[in-house]
Amino acid sequence: MRWAWLLLMLLSATAAAKQQVKVGVYEFLPYAFVGEKVTGVTAEMIELMNGVQQKYEFVVVPTTAERRYKDFAEKRFDMLIFESKSWGWNKSPVAVSRAFLLGAEVYVALQQPGRDQRFFSDFKNKGMIGVLGFHYGFARFHAERDYLEKNFDIVLTQSQPKSLEALFKRRGEIAVLSRDYLNYYLKKHPKQQEQLLISDKLDQTYRHTILLRNGLKDISIRDINQLLMTMRRNETLEPLWQKYGLGNKE
């Protein structure tokens, strides 16, 4: 019994010694589904990151795409996964990890007679659909509602599924969606493929990285890069990419 008690104490001490790192997560399918519980690639990646080392405990802190900057400034979390510094973080005190996955945004419209790839050649007099807080190439990466509504005929939604729903309801003519989300959606709804015209032209390409607050005492971007390297070497993340159809590795 004494040995069991000592073992329990040692395990408790080990768990208590872990440094907690709060990870901000917002709705960005298929990377993150934020509801009563956060699910998706990010949540599963965090579980894997916790499983391959014993020094840190990465925990999820839900936020929104628009609110994430304020929450970060107020130190409600210190890290984001599947993020790019060019998405509004250039003036923030963040360090950037090595890239670990490639991504892209595409334009999507409804199929109509006579409509082809030329429909995406310009956006003048076309109703756009995007997600509030997201940065898009066609808007020169401005995400402010006032800027977007002043310079474009645009409907702003709360998520990519809402954007696609708005497109089907003809609230706009062109939705901007991540290629990974579109592939994920069409895998579940293959019959919808024939209703959609998907651009060959990309709105943007990006390298997914991890952003970490500068100056933290217990963890640095070097530690994050080492963790990513370990996970790459032992192929910890490969099954996760395959599960969600994320084939564009860095």
C-alpha atoms as a PDB file:
ATOM      1  CA  MET A   1       0.000   0.000   0.000  1.00  0.00           C
ATOM      2  CA  ARG A   2       2.894   2.318   0.859  1.00  0.00           C
ATOM      3  CA  TRP A   3       4.496   1.708  -2.544  1.00  0.00           C
ATOM      4  CA  ALA A   4       1.181   2.394  -4.260  1.00  0.00           C
ATOM      5  CA  TRP A   5       0.858   5.640  -2.315  1.00  0.00           C
ATOM      6  CA  LEU A   6       4.411   6.679  -3.268  1.00  0.00           C
ATOM      7  CA  LEU A   7       3.751   5.860  -6.911  1.00  0.00           C
ATOM      8  CA  LEU A   8       0.582   7.938  -6.840  1.00  0.00           C
ATOM      9  CA  MET A   9       2.480  10.835  -5.281  1.00  0.00           C
ATOM     10  CA  LEU A  10       5.191  10.609  -7.949  1.00  0.00           C
ATOM     11  CA  LEU A  11       2.636  10.572 -10.747  1.00  0.00           C
ATOM     12  CA  SER A  12       0.806  13.518  -9.211  1.00  0.00           C
ATOM     13  CA  ALA A  13       4.057  15.457  -8.865  1.00  0.00           C
ATOM     14  CA  THR A  14       4.920  14.743 -12.519  1.00  0.00           C
ATOM     15  CA  ALA A  15       1.500  15.918 -13.676  1.00  0.00           C
ATOM     16  CA  ALA A  16       1.689  19.015 -11.496  1.00  0.00           C
ATOM     17  CA  ALA A  17       5.138  19.851 -12.916  1.00  0.00           C
ATOM     18  CA  LYS A  18       3.813  20.166 -16.452  1.00  0.00           C
ATOM     19  CA  GLN A  19       3.817  23.721 -17.764  1.00  0.00           C
ATOM     20  CA  GLN A  20       0.380  24.702 -19.030  1.00  0.00           C
ATOM     21  CA  VAL A  21       0.273  26.402 -22.425  1.00  0.00           C
ATOM     22  CA  LYS A  22      -3.073  27.904 -23.461  1.00  0.00           C
ATOM     23  CA  VAL A  23      -3.918  27.558 -27.150  1.00  0.00           C
ATOM     24  CA  GLY A  24      -6.469  29.883 -28.721  1.00  0.00           C
ATOM     25  CA  VAL A  25      -8.816  28.054 -31.086  1.00  0.00           C
ATOM     26  CA  TYR A  26     -11.474  29.600 -33.335  1.00  0.00           C
ATOM     27  CA  GLU A  27     -13.871  28.122 -35.900  1.00  0.00           C
ATOM     28  CA  PHE A  28     -11.775  27.293 -38.979  1.00  0.00           C
ATOM     29  CA  LEU A  29     -12.980  24.100 -40.616  1.00  0.00           C
ATOM     30  CA  PRO A  30     -11.757  21.426 -40.912  1.00  0.00           C
ATOM     31  CA  TYR A  31      -9.027  22.500 -38.498  1.00  0.00           C
ATOM     32  CA  ALA A  32     -11.375  23.517 -35.704  1.00  0.00           C
ATOM     33  CA  PHE A  33     -15.091  23.048 -35.031  1.00  0.00           C
ATOM     34  CA  VAL A  34     -15.993  25.195 -32.031  1.00  0.00           C
ATOM     35  CA  GLY A  35     -19.174  24.221 -30.218  1.00  0.00           C
ATOM     36  CA  GLU A  36     -19.817  22.856 -26.729  1.00  0.00           C
ATOM     37  CA  LYS A  37     -16.552  21.030 -27.338  1.00  0.00           C
ATOM     38  CA  VAL A  38     -13.733  21.941 -29.718  1.00  0.00           C
ATOM     39  CA  THR A  39     -13.123  19.189 -32.264  1.00  0.00           C
ATOM     40  CA  GLY A  40     -11.298  18.841 -35.570  1.00  0.00           C
ATOM     41  CA  VAL A  41      -7.665  18.771 -36.637  1.00  0.00           C
ATOM     42  CA  THR A  42      -6.455  21.330 -34.086  1.00  0.00           C
ATOM     43  CA  ALA A  43      -8.027  19.564 -31.112  1.00  0.00           C
ATOM     44  CA  GLU A  44      -6.597  16.220 -32.207  1.00  0.00           C
ATOM     45  CA  MET A  45      -3.199  17.768 -32.882  1.00  0.00           C
ATOM     46  CA  ILE A  46      -3.161  19.197 -29.366  1.00  0.00           C
ATOM     47  CA  GLU A  47      -3.923  15.729 -27.966  1.00  0.00           C
ATOM     48  CA  LEU A  48      -1.007  14.324 -29.959  1.00  0.00           C
ATOM     49  CA  MET A  49       1.301  17.120 -28.790  1.00  0.00           C
ATOM     50  CA  ASN A  50       0.388  16.284 -25.199  1.00  0.00           C
ATOM     51  CA  GLY A  51       0.983  12.586 -25.832  1.00  0.00           C
ATOM     52  CA  VAL A  52       4.519  12.770 -27.255  1.00  0.00           C
ATOM     53  CA  GLN A  53       6.092  14.749 -24.404  1.00  0.00           C
ATOM     54  CA  GLN A  54       5.705  15.223 -20.660  1.00  0.00           C
ATOM     55  CA  LYS A  55       6.951  18.777 -20.108  1.00  0.00           C
ATOM     56  CA  TYR A  56       3.954  20.785 -21.352  1.00  0.00           C
ATOM     57  CA  GLU A  57       0.197  20.511 -21.161  1.00  0.00           C
ATOM     58  CA  PHE A  58      -1.415  22.245 -24.120  1.00  0.00           C
ATOM     59  CA  VAL A  59      -5.007  23.262 -23.359  1.00  0.00           C
ATOM     60  CA  VAL A  60      -7.730  24.657 -25.614  1.00  0.00           C
ATOM     61  CA  VAL A  61      -9.101  28.164 -25.092  1.00  0.00           C
ATOM     62  CA  PRO A  62     -12.070  28.858 -27.434  1.00  0.00           C
ATOM     63  CA  THR A  63     -12.184  32.251 -29.148  1.00  0.00           C
ATOM     64  CA  THR A  64     -13.456  33.622 -32.462  1.00  0.00           C
ATOM     65  CA  ALA A  65     -11.669  34.708 -35.625  1.00  0.00           C
ATOM     66  CA  GLU A  66     -12.525  38.356 -34.972  1.00  0.00           C
ATOM     67  CA  ARG A  67     -11.952  38.299 -31.189  1.00  0.00           C
ATOM     68  CA  ARG A  68      -8.671  36.383 -31.199  1.00  0.00           C
ATOM     69  CA  TYR A  69      -6.495  39.511 -31.338  1.00  0.00           C
ATOM     70  CA  LYS A  70      -8.186  41.065 -28.292  1.00  0.00           C
ATOM     71  CA  ASP A  71      -8.065  37.800 -26.372  1.00  0.00           C
ATOM     72  CA  PHE A  72      -4.381  37.418 -27.173  1.00  0.00           C
ATOM     73  CA  ALA A  73      -3.657  41.008 -26.102  1.00  0.00           C
ATOM     74  CA  GLU A  74      -5.455  40.297 -22.812  1.00  0.00           C
ATOM     75  CA  LYS A  75      -3.305  37.158 -22.375  1.00  0.00           C
ATOM     76  CA  ARG A  76      -6.208  34.743 -22.371  1.00  0.00           C
ATOM     77  CA  PHE A  77      -4.024  32.431 -24.442  1.00  0.00           C
ATOM     78  CA  ASP A  78      -0.411  32.386 -25.657  1.00  0.00           C
ATOM     79  CA  MET A  79      -0.409  30.164 -28.734  1.00  0.00           C
ATOM     80  CA  LEU A  80      -2.322  29.493 -31.955  1.00  0.00           C
ATOM     81  CA  ILE A  81      -2.050  26.571 -34.349  1.00  0.00           C
ATOM     82  CA  PHE A  82      -2.842  26.709 -38.097  1.00  0.00           C
ATOM     83  CA  GLU A  83      -2.110  30.414 -38.172  1.00  0.00           C
ATOM     84  CA  SER A  84      -0.085  32.810 -40.325  1.00  0.00           C
ATOM     85  CA  LYS A  85       1.659  35.914 -39.034  1.00  0.00           C
ATOM     86  CA  SER A  86       0.419  37.787 -42.118  1.00  0.00           C
ATOM     87  CA  TRP A  87      -3.169  37.390 -40.837  1.00  0.00           C
ATOM     88  CA  GLY A  88      -3.021  40.520 -38.729  1.00  0.00           C
ATOM     89  CA  TRP A  89      -0.170  39.555 -36.375  1.00  0.00           C
ATOM     90  CA  ASN A  90       2.713  41.600 -37.801  1.00  0.00           C
ATOM     91  CA  LYS A  91       2.620  44.101 -34.933  1.00  0.00           C
ATOM     92  CA  SER A  92       1.989  41.520 -32.219  1.00  0.00           C
ATOM     93  CA  PRO A  93       4.707  40.050 -29.951  1.00  0.00           C
ATOM     94  CA  VAL A  94       4.708  36.597 -31.516  1.00  0.00           C
ATOM     95  CA  ALA A  95       7.344  34.177 -32.728  1.00  0.00           C
ATOM     96  CA  VAL A  96       6.616  31.934 -35.705  1.00  0.00           C
ATOM     97  CA  SER A  97       7.302  28.215 -35.849  1.00  0.00           C
ATOM     98  CA  ARG A  98       8.535  26.332 -38.854  1.00  0.00           C
ATOM     99  CA  ALA A  99       5.768  25.667 -41.359  1.00  0.00           C
ATOM    100  CA  PHE A 100       4.225  22.205 -41.179  1.00  0.00           C
ATOM    101  CA  LEU A 101       1.372  22.208 -43.728  1.00  0.00           C
ATOM    102  CA  LEU A 102       0.374  24.096 -46.876  1.00  0.00           C
ATOM    103  CA  GLY A 103      -3.042  25.622 -47.450  1.00  0.00           C
ATOM    104  CA  ALA A 104      -4.938  27.746 -49.965  1.00  0.00           C
ATOM    105  CA  GLU A 105      -8.188  29.652 -50.469  1.00  0.00           C
ATOM    106  CA  VAL A 106     -10.355  29.273 -53.582  1.00  0.00           C
ATOM    107  CA  TYR A 107     -13.340  31.103 -55.046  1.00  0.00           C
ATOM    108  CA  VAL A 108     -16.607  29.198 -55.329  1.00  0.00           C
ATOM    109  CA  ALA A 109     -19.742  30.126 -57.280  1.00  0.00           C
ATOM    110  CA  LEU A 110     -22.913  28.316 -58.308  1.00  0.00           C
ATOM    111  CA  GLN A 111     -22.909  26.638 -61.685  1.00  0.00           C
ATOM    112  CA  GLN A 112     -24.975  28.539 -64.239  1.00  0.00           C
ATOM    113  CA  PRO A 113     -25.278  28.324 -68.046  1.00  0.00           C
ATOM    114  CA  GLY A 114     -22.456  30.244 -69.700  1.00  0.00           C
ATOM    115  CA  ARG A 115     -20.529  30.684 -66.445  1.00  0.00           C
ATOM    116  CA  ASP A 116     -16.909  29.467 -66.513  1.00  0.00           C
ATOM    117  CA  GLN A 117     -13.503  30.313 -65.053  1.00  0.00           C
ATOM    118  CA  ARG A 118     -13.693  33.802 -66.569  1.00  0.00           C
ATOM    119  CA  PHE A 119     -16.284  34.591 -63.901  1.00  0.00           C
ATOM    120  CA  PHE A 120     -13.432  34.791 -61.397  1.00  0.00           C
ATOM    121  CA  SER A 121     -11.311  37.185 -63.461  1.00  0.00           C
ATOM    122  CA  ASP A 122     -12.546  40.211 -61.499  1.00  0.00           C
ATOM    123  CA  PHE A 123     -14.898  41.002 -58.638  1.00  0.00           C
ATOM    124  CA  LYS A 124     -16.442  44.264 -59.799  1.00  0.00           C
ATOM    125  CA  ASN A 125     -20.204  44.320 -59.263  1.00  0.00           C
ATOM    126  CA  LYS A 126     -20.111  40.796 -57.804  1.00  0.00           C
ATOM    127  CA  GLY A 127     -21.423  39.908 -54.371  1.00  0.00           C
ATOM    128  CA  MET A 128     -18.676  38.349 -52.253  1.00  0.00           C
ATOM    129  CA  ILE A 129     -19.109  36.098 -49.225  1.00  0.00           C
ATOM    130  CA  GLY A 130     -16.480  35.724 -46.510  1.00  0.00           C
ATOM    131  CA  VAL A 131     -16.011  34.980 -42.832  1.00  0.00           C
ATOM    132  CA  LEU A 132     -15.805  37.819 -40.327  1.00  0.00           C
ATOM    133  CA  GLY A 133     -12.223  38.084 -39.070  1.00  0.00           C
ATOM    134  CA  PHE A 134     -10.659  36.164 -41.968  1.00  0.00           C
ATOM    135  CA  HIS A 135      -8.016  37.734 -44.224  1.00  0.00           C
ATOM    136  CA  TYR A 136      -8.429  37.421 -48.002  1.00  0.00           C
ATOM    137  CA  GLY A 137      -6.124  38.137 -50.886  1.00  0.00           C
ATOM    138  CA  PHE A 138      -8.797  39.847 -52.975  1.00  0.00           C
ATOM    139  CA  ALA A 139      -9.190  42.400 -50.152  1.00  0.00           C
ATOM    140  CA  ARG A 140      -5.428  42.903 -49.740  1.00  0.00           C
ATOM    141  CA  PHE A 141      -5.660  40.994 -46.477  1.00  0.00           C
ATOM    142  CA  HIS A 142      -7.806  43.578 -44.724  1.00  0.00           C
ATOM    143  CA  ALA A 143     -10.174  41.885 -42.280  1.00  0.00           C
ATOM    144  CA  GLU A 144     -11.894  44.938 -40.792  1.00  0.00           C
ATOM    145  CA  ARG A 145     -15.652  44.891 -41.342  1.00  0.00           C
ATOM    146  CA  ASP A 146     -15.746  48.618 -42.152  1.00  0.00           C
ATOM    147  CA  TYR A 147     -13.063  48.297 -44.831  1.00  0.00           C
ATOM    148  CA  LEU A 148     -14.659  45.254 -46.442  1.00  0.00           C
ATOM    149  CA  GLU A 149     -18.180  46.687 -46.488  1.00  0.00           C
ATOM    150  CA  LYS A 150     -16.938  50.016 -47.827  1.00  0.00           C
ATOM    151  CA  ASN A 151     -14.866  48.556 -50.654  1.00  0.00           C
ATOM    152  CA  PHE A 152     -16.843  45.453 -51.624  1.00  0.00           C
ATOM    153  CA  ASP A 153     -20.373  44.187 -51.955  1.00  0.00           C
ATOM    154  CA  ILE A 154     -19.840  41.549 -49.302  1.00  0.00           C
ATOM    155  CA  VAL A 155     -21.771  39.319 -46.914  1.00  0.00           C
ATOM    156  CA  LEU A 156     -19.800  38.421 -43.765  1.00  0.00           C
ATOM    157  CA  THR A 157     -20.687  35.212 -41.964  1.00  0.00           C
ATOM    158  CA  GLN A 158     -19.535  33.485 -38.791  1.00  0.00           C
ATOM    159  CA  SER A 159     -18.010  30.410 -40.439  1.00  0.00           C
ATOM    160  CA  GLN A 160     -17.228  28.714 -43.721  1.00  0.00           C
ATOM    161  CA  PRO A 161     -20.313  26.465 -43.547  1.00  0.00           C
ATOM    162  CA  LYS A 162     -22.386  29.650 -43.146  1.00  0.00           C
ATOM    163  CA  SER A 163     -20.614  31.132 -46.170  1.00  0.00           C
ATOM    164  CA  LEU A 164     -21.427  28.089 -48.270  1.00  0.00           C
ATOM    165  CA  GLU A 165     -25.017  28.187 -47.012  1.00  0.00           C
ATOM    166  CA  ALA A 166     -25.225  31.867 -48.030  1.00  0.00           C
ATOM    167  CA  LEU A 167     -23.958  30.950 -51.486  1.00  0.00           C
ATOM    168  CA  PHE A 168     -26.624  28.262 -51.940  1.00  0.00           C
ATOM    169  CA  LYS A 169     -29.239  30.782 -50.785  1.00  0.00           C
ATOM    170  CA  ARG A 170     -27.894  33.243 -53.393  1.00  0.00           C
ATOM    171  CA  ARG A 171     -27.080  35.915 -50.838  1.00  0.00           C
ATOM    172  CA  GLY A 172     -23.863  36.473 -52.790  1.00  0.00           C
ATOM    173  CA  GLU A 173     -22.215  35.256 -55.964  1.00  0.00           C
ATOM    174  CA  ILE A 174     -18.720  34.215 -54.883  1.00  0.00           C
ATOM    175  CA  ALA A 175     -17.714  32.610 -51.594  1.00  0.00           C
ATOM    176  CA  VAL A 176     -14.084  32.381 -50.550  1.00  0.00           C
ATOM    177  CA  LEU A 177     -13.356  29.036 -48.900  1.00  0.00           C
ATOM    178  CA  SER A 178     -10.267  27.185 -47.785  1.00  0.00           C
ATOM    179  CA  ARG A 179      -9.461  24.397 -50.198  1.00  0.00           C
ATOM    180  CA  ASP A 180      -9.179  21.946 -47.308  1.00  0.00           C
ATOM    181  CA  TYR A 181     -12.646  22.840 -46.039  1.00  0.00           C
ATOM    182  CA  LEU A 182     -14.133  22.547 -49.532  1.00  0.00           C
ATOM    183  CA  ASN A 183     -12.544  19.119 -50.026  1.00  0.00           C
ATOM    184  CA  TYR A 184     -13.796  18.051 -46.598  1.00  0.00           C
ATOM    185  CA  TYR A 185     -17.332  19.245 -47.414  1.00  0.00           C
ATOM    186  CA  LEU A 186     -17.457  17.603 -50.851  1.00  0.00           C
ATOM    187  CA  LYS A 187     -16.188  14.327 -49.433  1.00  0.00           C
ATOM    188  CA  LYS A 188     -19.283  14.295 -47.207  1.00  0.00           C
ATOM    189  CA  HIS A 189     -21.624  15.744 -49.876  1.00  0.00           C
ATOM    190  CA  PRO A 190     -20.278  14.512 -53.238  1.00  0.00           C
ATOM    191  CA  LYS A 191     -23.535  15.266 -55.086  1.00  0.00           C
ATOM    192  CA  GLN A 192     -23.037  18.988 -54.409  1.00  0.00           C
ATOM    193  CA  GLN A 193     -19.937  19.004 -56.618  1.00  0.00           C
ATOM    194  CA  GLU A 194     -21.971  19.416 -59.814  1.00  0.00           C
ATOM    195  CA  GLN A 195     -23.719  22.488 -58.394  1.00  0.00           C
ATOM    196  CA  LEU A 196     -20.491  24.363 -57.765  1.00  0.00           C
ATOM    197  CA  LEU A 197     -18.018  26.173 -59.984  1.00  0.00           C
ATOM    198  CA  ILE A 198     -14.640  26.131 -58.225  1.00  0.00           C
ATOM    199  CA  SER A 199     -11.927  28.504 -59.340  1.00  0.00           C
ATOM    200  CA  ASP A 200      -8.589  27.396 -60.692  1.00  0.00           C
ATOM    201  CA  LYS A 201      -7.419  30.799 -59.505  1.00  0.00           C
ATOM    202  CA  LEU A 202      -6.350  30.960 -55.867  1.00  0.00           C
ATOM    203  CA  ASP A 203      -7.227  33.803 -53.535  1.00  0.00           C
ATOM    204  CA  GLN A 204      -4.089  33.049 -51.535  1.00  0.00           C
ATOM    205  CA  THR A 205      -1.700  30.309 -50.505  1.00  0.00           C
ATOM    206  CA  TYR A 206      -0.207  30.010 -47.055  1.00  0.00           C
ATOM    207  CA  ARG A 207       2.044  27.922 -44.877  1.00  0.00           C
ATOM    208  CA  HIS A 208       0.417  26.858 -41.655  1.00  0.00           C
ATOM    209  CA  THR A 209       2.536  27.681 -38.623  1.00  0.00           C
ATOM    210  CA  ILE A 210       2.252  27.943 -34.861  1.00  0.00           C
ATOM    211  CA  LEU A 211       2.378  31.408 -33.313  1.00  0.00           C
ATOM    212  CA  LEU A 212       3.713  31.685 -29.768  1.00  0.00           C
ATOM    213  CA  ARG A 213       3.873  34.735 -27.533  1.00  0.00           C
ATOM    214  CA  ASN A 214       7.383  36.138 -27.246  1.00  0.00           C
ATOM    215  CA  GLY A 215       9.137  36.185 -23.895  1.00  0.00           C
ATOM    216  CA  LEU A 216       7.359  33.311 -22.159  1.00  0.00           C
ATOM    217  CA  LYS A 217       9.365  31.914 -19.268  1.00  0.00           C
ATOM    218  CA  ASP A 218       8.703  28.205 -19.692  1.00  0.00           C
ATOM    219  CA  ILE A 219       8.435  27.646 -23.439  1.00  0.00           C
ATOM    220  CA  SER A 220       9.995  29.141 -26.558  1.00  0.00           C
ATOM    221  CA  ILE A 221       9.459  28.810 -30.282  1.00  0.00           C
ATOM    222  CA  ARG A 222      12.586  26.670 -30.319  1.00  0.00           C
ATOM    223  CA  ASP A 223      10.788  24.180 -28.070  1.00  0.00           C
ATOM    224  CA  ILE A 224       7.784  24.219 -30.424  1.00  0.00           C
ATOM    225  CA  ASN A 225       9.990  23.614 -33.454  1.00  0.00           C
ATOM    226  CA  GLN A 226      11.693  20.732 -31.673  1.00  0.00           C
ATOM    227  CA  LEU A 227       8.297  19.233 -30.864  1.00  0.00           C
ATOM    228  CA  LEU A 228       7.186  19.568 -34.501  1.00  0.00           C
ATOM    229  CA  MET A 229      10.427  17.940 -35.639  1.00  0.00           C
ATOM    230  CA  THR A 230       9.896  15.040 -33.246  1.00  0.00           C
ATOM    231  CA  MET A 231       6.338  14.565 -34.501  1.00  0.00           C
ATOM    232  CA  ARG A 232       7.521  14.650 -38.105  1.00  0.00           C
ATOM    233  CA  ARG A 233      10.263  12.101 -37.480  1.00  0.00           C
ATOM    234  CA  ASN A 234       7.966   9.615 -35.775  1.00  0.00           C
ATOM    235  CA  GLU A 235       5.109  10.352 -38.227  1.00  0.00           C
ATOM    236  CA  THR A 236       2.755  11.230 -35.396  1.00  0.00           C
ATOM    237  CA  LEU A 237       0.832  13.750 -37.506  1.00  0.00           C
ATOM    238  CA  GLU A 238       0.686  11.839 -40.778  1.00  0.00           C
ATOM    239  CA  PRO A 239      -2.432   9.770 -39.892  1.00  0.00           C
ATOM    240  CA  LEU A 240      -4.173  12.989 -38.814  1.00  0.00           C
ATOM    241  CA  TRP A 241      -3.458  14.685 -42.163  1.00  0.00           C
ATOM    242  CA  GLN A 242      -4.757  11.588 -43.959  1.00  0.00           C
ATOM    243  CA  LYS A 243      -7.910  11.426 -41.814  1.00  0.00           C
ATOM    244  CA  TYR A 244      -8.935  14.929 -42.890  1.00  0.00           C
ATOM    245  CA  GLY A 245      -7.527  14.796 -46.426  1.00  0.00           C
ATOM    246  CA  LEU A 246      -4.778  17.321 -45.744  1.00  0.00           C
ATOM    247  CA  GLY A 247      -2.215  16.211 -48.274  1.00  0.00           C
ATOM    248  CA  ASN A 248      -0.141  19.340 -48.817  1.00  0.00           C
ATOM    249  CA  LYS A 249       2.717  18.874 -46.386  1.00  0.00           C
ATOM    250  CA  GLU A 250       5.458  21.477 -45.973  1.00  0.00           C
END
